[in-house]
């Protein structure tokens, strides 16, 4: 059973940065597609960024392109999301997810996620 724990969320001012981490236990992440999703109050969960098992293919939502960077460290069994130039509209609970198949298509369909973390709050406000 794979267990995921997110960390790194918090409150920042617009233009600030945060780095989210998602550490896994119980199994290796090496063969999984990994992704970050977010859900704001009253909105559906949306795919923010995903990375293939090899790390060679990434996906970013248009709203975060050029500002967010996803990376993975299989040796540490961890996936990261570096978030720069944060905006108030980035405020949400951020979740990591893994998928055994479907590649970065995971980001377009949260139902493809096999395992999910509990989420970490990100608040961007002045």
Foldseek 3Di string as FASTA:
>chain_A
DKAKAKDFADEEAQQAKIKMKIAIPDDFQLQKKKFKWWDDPPDDIATAKIAHSVRPDMDGDPVQPPFWDWDDDRVRSMIMIIGGRDDQVVWTWMKMFIANDDHRCCRVPVVRGPDMYPTDTHGYHD
